[in-house]
PDB file of N, CA and C in Angstrom:
ATOM      1  N   MET A   1     132.488  14.476 108.531  1.00  0.00           N
ATOM      2  CA  MET A   1     133.243  14.325 109.770  1.00  0.00           C
ATOM      3  C   MET A   1     134.395  13.294 109.324  1.00  0.00           C
ATOM      4  N   LEU A   2     134.824  12.412 110.264  1.00  0.00           N
ATOM      5  CA  LEU A   2     135.803  11.514 110.035  1.00  0.00           C
ATOM      6  C   LEU A   2     135.251  10.191 109.447  1.00  0.00           C
ATOM      7  N   ASP A   3     135.526   9.858 108.279  1.00  0.00           N
ATOM      8  CA  ASP A   3     135.173   8.657 107.587  1.00  0.00           C
ATOM      9  C   ASP A   3     136.232   7.531 107.829  1.00  0.00           C
ATOM     10  N   LEU A   4     135.937   6.523 108.693  1.00  0.00           N
ATOM     11  CA  LEU A   4     136.730   5.497 108.879  1.00  0.00           C
ATOM     12  C   LEU A   4     136.456   4.144 108.118  1.00  0.00           C
ATOM     13  N   ASP A   5     135.499   4.336 107.180  1.00  0.00           N
ATOM     14  CA  ASP A   5     134.966   3.068 106.497  1.00  0.00           C
ATOM     15  C   ASP A   5     135.936   2.707 105.476  1.00  0.00           C
ATOM     16  N   VAL A   6     136.903   1.800 105.760  1.00  0.00           N
ATOM     17  CA  VAL A   6     137.949   1.229 104.913  1.00  0.00           C
ATOM     18  C   VAL A   6     137.658  -0.247 104.371  1.00  0.00           C
ATOM     19  N   THR A   7     136.258  -0.601 104.435  1.00  0.00           N
ATOM     20  CA  THR A   7     135.833  -1.905 104.243  1.00  0.00           C
ATOM     21  C   THR A   7     136.708  -2.829 103.205  1.00  0.00           C
ATOM     22  N   PRO A   8     136.791  -2.280 102.039  1.00  0.00           N
ATOM     23  CA  PRO A   8     137.533  -3.133 100.916  1.00  0.00           C
ATOM     24  C   PRO A   8     138.993  -3.346 101.382  1.00  0.00           C
ATOM     25  N   TYR A   9     139.604  -2.383 102.033  1.00  0.00           N
ATOM     26  CA  TYR A   9     141.078  -2.398 102.345  1.00  0.00           C
ATOM     27  C   TYR A   9     141.346  -2.624 103.849  1.00  0.00           C
ATOM     28  N   ALA A  10     140.258  -2.990 104.653  1.00  0.00           N
ATOM     29  CA  ALA A  10     140.512  -3.094 106.100  1.00  0.00           C
ATOM     30  C   ALA A  10     141.597  -4.047 106.487  1.00  0.00           C
ATOM     31  N   ALA A  11     141.665  -5.150 105.799  1.00  0.00           N
ATOM     32  CA  ALA A  11     142.697  -6.123 106.197  1.00  0.00           C
ATOM     33  C   ALA A  11     144.074  -5.513 106.043  1.00  0.00           C
ATOM     34  N   PHE A  12     144.318  -4.592 105.261  1.00  0.00           N
ATOM     35  CA  PHE A  12     145.601  -3.948 105.137  1.00  0.00           C
ATOM     36  C   PHE A  12     145.765  -2.721 105.898  1.00  0.00           C
ATOM     37  N   VAL A  13     144.714  -1.899 106.042  1.00  0.00           N
ATOM     38  CA  VAL A  13     144.737  -0.618 106.685  1.00  0.00           C
ATOM     39  C   VAL A  13     144.913  -0.733 108.192  1.00  0.00           C
ATOM     40  N   TRP A  14     143.985  -1.568 108.820  1.00  0.00           N
ATOM     41  CA  TRP A  14     144.003  -1.670 110.362  1.00  0.00           C
ATOM     42  C   TRP A  14     145.275  -2.231 110.828  1.00  0.00           C
ATOM     43  N   PRO A  15     145.850  -3.329 110.366  1.00  0.00           N
ATOM     44  CA  PRO A  15     147.150  -3.767 110.792  1.00  0.00           C
ATOM     45  C   PRO A  15     148.308  -2.741 110.560  1.00  0.00           C
ATOM     46  N   ALA A  16     148.185  -1.979 109.556  1.00  0.00           N
ATOM     47  CA  ALA A  16     149.183  -0.848 109.350  1.00  0.00           C
ATOM     48  C   ALA A  16     149.038   0.138 110.436  1.00  0.00           C
ATOM     49  N   TRP A  17     147.862   0.560 110.750  1.00  0.00           N
ATOM     50  CA  TRP A  17     147.699   1.513 111.929  1.00  0.00           C
ATOM     51  C   TRP A  17     148.138   0.828 113.182  1.00  0.00           C
ATOM     52  N   GLY A  18     147.849  -0.397 113.369  1.00  0.00           N
ATOM     53  CA  GLY A  18     148.232  -1.051 114.592  1.00  0.00           C
ATOM     54  C   GLY A  18     149.768  -1.199 114.821  1.00  0.00           C
ATOM     55  N   VAL A  19     150.477  -1.610 113.688  1.00  0.00           N
ATOM     56  CA  VAL A  19     152.021  -1.623 113.659  1.00  0.00           C
ATOM     57  C   VAL A  19     152.503  -0.215 113.819  1.00  0.00           C
ATOM     58  N   SER A  20     151.905   0.790 113.285  1.00  0.00           N
ATOM     59  CA  SER A  20     152.409   2.154 113.273  1.00  0.00           C
ATOM     60  C   SER A  20     152.293   2.583 114.858  1.00  0.00           C
ATOM     61  N   ALA A  21     151.125   2.359 115.370  1.00  0.00           N
ATOM     62  CA  ALA A  21     150.899   2.669 116.811  1.00  0.00           C
ATOM     63  C   ALA A  21     151.934   2.021 117.698  1.00  0.00           C
ATOM     64  N   LEU A  22     152.217   0.750 117.444  1.00  0.00           N
ATOM     65  CA  LEU A  22     153.213  -0.015 118.324  1.00  0.00           C
ATOM     66  C   LEU A  22     154.575   0.618 118.212  1.00  0.00           C
ATOM     67  N   VAL A  23     154.897   0.879 116.950  1.00  0.00           N
ATOM     68  CA  VAL A  23     156.247   1.409 116.780  1.00  0.00           C
ATOM     69  C   VAL A  23     156.414   2.779 117.370  1.00  0.00           C
ATOM     70  N   LEU A  24     155.491   3.580 117.248  1.00  0.00           N
ATOM     71  CA  LEU A  24     155.459   4.908 117.951  1.00  0.00           C
ATOM     72  C   LEU A  24     155.450   4.753 119.508  1.00  0.00           C
ATOM     73  N   ALA A  25     154.700   3.890 120.027  1.00  0.00           N
ATOM     74  CA  ALA A  25     154.748   3.582 121.439  1.00  0.00           C
ATOM     75  C   ALA A  25     156.156   2.972 121.908  1.00  0.00           C
ATOM     76  N   ALA A  26     156.729   2.241 121.132  1.00  0.00           N
ATOM     77  CA  ALA A  26     158.131   1.766 121.467  1.00  0.00           C
ATOM     78  C   ALA A  26     159.127   2.700 121.380  1.00  0.00           C
ATOM     79  N   LEU A  27     159.032   3.597 120.376  1.00  0.00           N
ATOM     80  CA  LEU A  27     160.116   4.793 120.353  1.00  0.00           C
ATOM     81  C   LEU A  27     159.929   5.666 121.458  1.00  0.00           C
ATOM     82  N   THR A  28     158.634   5.902 121.792  1.00  0.00           N
ATOM     83  CA  THR A  28     158.394   6.906 122.970  1.00  0.00           C
ATOM     84  C   THR A  28     158.978   6.272 124.270  1.00  0.00           C
ATOM     85  N   ALA A  29     158.650   5.009 124.478  1.00  0.00           N
ATOM     86  CA  ALA A  29     159.152   4.373 125.641  1.00  0.00           C
ATOM     87  C   ALA A  29     160.699   4.256 125.680  1.00  0.00           C
ATOM     88  N   ARG A  30     161.301   3.999 124.572  1.00  0.00           N
ATOM     89  CA  ARG A  30     162.831   4.034 124.508  1.00  0.00           C
ATOM     90  C   ARG A  30     163.334   5.382 124.761  1.00  0.00           C
ATOM     91  N   ALA A  31     162.743   6.459 124.238  1.00  0.00           N
ATOM     92  CA  ALA A  31     163.193   7.777 124.469  1.00  0.00           C
ATOM     93  C   ALA A  31     163.026   8.137 126.003  1.00  0.00           C
ATOM     94  N   VAL A  32     161.983   7.670 126.675  1.00  0.00           N
ATOM     95  CA  VAL A  32     161.833   7.992 128.092  1.00  0.00           C
ATOM     96  C   VAL A  32     162.769   7.301 128.864  1.00  0.00           C
ATOM     97  N   ILE A  33     163.064   6.045 128.603  1.00  0.00           N
ATOM     98  CA  ILE A  33     164.126   5.226 129.340  1.00  0.00           C
ATOM     99  C   ILE A  33     165.440   5.797 129.198  1.00  0.00           C
ATOM    100  N   ALA A  34     165.797   6.195 128.003  1.00  0.00           N
ATOM    101  CA  ALA A  34     167.090   6.838 127.764  1.00  0.00           C
ATOM    102  C   ALA A  34     167.307   8.151 128.471  1.00  0.00           C
ATOM    103  N   SER A  35     166.249   8.887 128.499  1.00  0.00           N
ATOM    104  CA  SER A  35     166.220  10.095 129.154  1.00  0.00           C
ATOM    105  C   SER A  35     166.419   9.911 130.543  1.00  0.00           C
ATOM    106  N   ARG A  36     165.786   9.002 131.317  1.00  0.00           N
ATOM    107  CA  ARG A  36     165.994   8.712 132.730  1.00  0.00           C
ATOM    108  C   ARG A  36     167.527   8.223 132.913  1.00  0.00           C
ATOM    109  N   LYS A  37     167.866   7.499 132.051  1.00  0.00           N
ATOM    110  CA  LYS A  37     169.384   6.887 132.134  1.00  0.00           C
ATOM    111  C   LYS A  37     170.287   8.059 132.179  1.00  0.00           C
ATOM    112  N   TRP A  38     170.200   9.020 131.202  1.00  0.00           N
ATOM    113  CA  TRP A  38     171.250  10.093 131.076  1.00  0.00           C
ATOM    114  C   TRP A  38     171.014  11.086 132.265  1.00  0.00           C
ATOM    115  N   LYS A  39     169.748  11.270 132.740  1.00  0.00           N
ATOM    116  CA  LYS A  39     169.606  12.096 133.929  1.00  0.00           C
ATOM    117  C   LYS A  39     170.340  11.559 135.098  1.00  0.00           C
ATOM    118  N   ARG A  40     170.174  10.168 135.297  1.00  0.00           N
ATOM    119  CA  ARG A  40     170.860   9.564 136.361  1.00  0.00           C
ATOM    120  C   ARG A  40     172.365   9.635 136.199  1.00  0.00           C
ATOM    121  N   GLU A  41     172.928   9.523 134.983  1.00  0.00           N
ATOM    122  CA  GLU A  41     174.261   9.666 134.727  1.00  0.00           C
ATOM    123  C   GLU A  41     174.866  11.124 134.963  1.00  0.00           C
ATOM    124  N   LEU A  42     174.096  12.032 134.643  1.00  0.00           N
ATOM    125  CA  LEU A  42     174.404  13.445 134.871  1.00  0.00           C
ATOM    126  C   LEU A  42     174.387  13.722 136.281  1.00  0.00           C
ATOM    127  N   MET A  43     173.438  13.345 137.077  1.00  0.00           N
ATOM    128  CA  MET A  43     173.492  13.467 138.478  1.00  0.00           C
ATOM    129  C   MET A  43     174.772  12.749 139.158  1.00  0.00           C
ATOM    130  N   ARG A  44     175.085  11.680 138.651  1.00  0.00           N
ATOM    131  CA  ARG A  44     176.280  10.881 139.177  1.00  0.00           C
ATOM    132  C   ARG A  44     177.528  11.731 138.839  1.00  0.00           C
ATOM    133  N   LEU A  45     177.601  12.284 137.629  1.00  0.00           N
ATOM    134  CA  LEU A  45     178.816  13.019 137.382  1.00  0.00           C
ATOM    135  C   LEU A  45     178.982  14.380 138.057  1.00  0.00           C
ATOM    136  N   GLU A  46     177.804  15.004 138.197  1.00  0.00           N
ATOM    137  CA  GLU A  46     177.716  16.172 139.049  1.00  0.00           C
ATOM    138  C   GLU A  46     178.113  16.136 140.420  1.00  0.00           C
ATOM    139  N   THR A  47     177.692  14.983 141.024  1.00  0.00           N
ATOM    140  CA  THR A  47     177.940  14.802 142.457  1.00  0.00           C
ATOM    141  C   THR A  47     179.402  14.110 142.729  1.00  0.00           C
ATOM    142  N   SER A  48     179.935  13.540 141.821  1.00  0.00           N
ATOM    143  CA  SER A  48     181.309  12.917 142.013  1.00  0.00           C
ATOM    144  C   SER A  48     182.243  13.910 142.111  1.00  0.00           C
ATOM    145  N   PRO A  49     183.443  13.639 142.865  1.00  0.00           N
ATOM    146  CA  PRO A  49     184.582  14.545 142.932  1.00  0.00           C
ATOM    147  C   PRO A  49     185.245  14.670 141.632  1.00  0.00           C
ATOM    148  N   ILE A  50     185.836  15.739 141.499  1.00  0.00           N
ATOM    149  CA  ILE A  50     186.538  16.058 140.140  1.00  0.00           C
ATOM    150  C   ILE A  50     187.980  15.231 140.232  1.00  0.00           C
ATOM    151  N   PRO A  51     188.145  14.398 139.218  1.00  0.00           N
ATOM    152  CA  PRO A  51     189.342  13.613 139.197  1.00  0.00           C
ATOM    153  C   PRO A  51     190.747  14.609 139.050  1.00  0.00           C
ATOM    154  N   GLU A  52     191.774  14.226 139.526  1.00  0.00           N
ATOM    155  CA  GLU A  52     192.916  14.966 139.445  1.00  0.00           C
ATOM    156  C   GLU A  52     193.297  15.418 138.047  1.00  0.00           C
ATOM    157  N   ALA A  53     193.119  14.681 137.048  1.00  0.00           N
ATOM    158  CA  ALA A  53     193.490  14.986 135.649  1.00  0.00           C
ATOM    159  C   ALA A  53     192.537  16.091 135.067  1.00  0.00           C
ATOM    160  N   ALA A  54     191.393  16.208 135.492  1.00  0.00           N
ATOM    161  CA  ALA A  54     190.330  17.299 135.126  1.00  0.00           C
ATOM    162  C   ALA A  54     190.638  18.486 135.940  1.00  0.00           C
ATOM    163  N   ALA A  55     191.207  18.479 137.020  1.00  0.00           N
ATOM    164  CA  ALA A  55     191.662  19.634 137.826  1.00  0.00           C
ATOM    165  C   ALA A  55     192.561  20.578 137.274  1.00  0.00           C
ATOM    166  N   THR A  56     193.468  20.064 136.241  1.00  0.00           N
ATOM    167  CA  THR A  56     194.402  21.019 135.755  1.00  0.00           C
ATOM    168  C   THR A  56     193.695  21.864 134.546  1.00  0.00           C
ATOM    169  N   ASN A  57     194.360  22.851 134.283  1.00  0.00           N
ATOM    170  CA  ASN A  57     193.780  23.762 133.286  1.00  0.00           C
ATOM    171  C   ASN A  57     194.233  23.518 131.861  1.00  0.00           C
ATOM    172  N   ARG A  58     195.295  22.544 131.726  1.00  0.00           N
ATOM    173  CA  ARG A  58     195.815  22.247 130.409  1.00  0.00           C
ATOM    174  C   ARG A  58     194.819  21.149 129.776  1.00  0.00           C
ATOM    175  N   PRO A  59     194.542  21.359 128.411  1.00  0.00           N
ATOM    176  CA  PRO A  59     193.788  20.416 127.726  1.00  0.00           C
ATOM    177  C   PRO A  59     194.482  19.088 127.784  1.00  0.00           C
ATOM    178  N   GLN A  60     193.646  18.033 127.509  1.00  0.00           N
ATOM    179  CA  GLN A  60     194.316  16.702 127.585  1.00  0.00           C
ATOM    180  C   GLN A  60     195.356  16.454 126.450  1.00  0.00           C
ATOM    181  N   VAL A  61     195.241  16.932 125.369  1.00  0.00           N
ATOM    182  CA  VAL A  61     196.144  16.774 124.224  1.00  0.00           C
ATOM    183  C   VAL A  61     197.448  17.360 124.787  1.00  0.00           C
ATOM    184  N   ALA A  62     197.397  18.603 125.270  1.00  0.00           N
ATOM    185  CA  ALA A  62     198.629  19.270 125.775  1.00  0.00           C
ATOM    186  C   ALA A  62     199.309  18.459 126.802  1.00  0.00           C
ATOM    187  N   ARG A  63     198.487  17.867 127.765  1.00  0.00           N
ATOM    188  CA  ARG A  63     199.044  17.197 128.818  1.00  0.00           C
ATOM    189  C   ARG A  63     199.791  15.871 128.405  1.00  0.00           C
ATOM    190  N   SER A  64     199.177  15.224 127.443  1.00  0.00           N
ATOM    191  CA  SER A  64     199.858  14.018 126.924  1.00  0.00           C
ATOM    192  C   SER A  64     201.083  14.411 126.159  1.00  0.00           C
ATOM    193  N   ALA A  65     201.046  15.451 125.477  1.00  0.00           N
ATOM    194  CA  ALA A  65     202.269  15.854 124.685  1.00  0.00           C
ATOM    195  C   ALA A  65     203.442  16.361 125.439  1.00  0.00           C
ATOM    196  N   ILE A  66     203.041  17.058 126.554  1.00  0.00           N
ATOM    197  CA  ILE A  66     204.078  17.673 127.426  1.00  0.00           C
ATOM    198  C   ILE A  66     204.596  16.787 128.374  1.00  0.00           C
ATOM    199  N   GLY A  67     203.704  15.879 128.923  1.00  0.00           N
ATOM    200  CA  GLY A  67     204.148  14.889 129.911  1.00  0.00           C
ATOM    201  C   GLY A  67     203.548  15.311 131.309  1.00  0.00           C
ATOM    202  N   PRO A  68     203.898  14.556 132.318  1.00  0.00           N
ATOM    203  CA  PRO A  68     203.318  14.851 133.663  1.00  0.00           C
ATOM    204  C   PRO A  68     203.862  16.168 134.162  1.00  0.00           C
ATOM    205  N   LYS A  69     202.968  16.700 135.026  1.00  0.00           N
ATOM    206  CA  LYS A  69     203.310  17.979 135.576  1.00  0.00           C
ATOM    207  C   LYS A  69     204.333  17.749 136.739  1.00  0.00           C
ATOM    208  N   LYS A  70     205.375  18.674 136.711  1.00  0.00           N
ATOM    209  CA  LYS A  70     206.620  18.431 137.758  1.00  0.00           C
ATOM    210  C   LYS A  70     206.374  19.296 138.860  1.00  0.00           C
TER     211      LYS A  70
END
């Protein structure tokens, strides 16, 4: 079965497992927090009115090169 007898190396193995578990938990928590943040940002952007600059069909580069619409 699963042999977890690491007696001669226990002082090195168990802290390494502990640190690995903490790092994985921290990365998971960070990903969940970032996901919630981006979902809130997406909802905010989807519900906000479209700015006048985005309403035009010309790309931004063309708009800045041509100048304001007359």
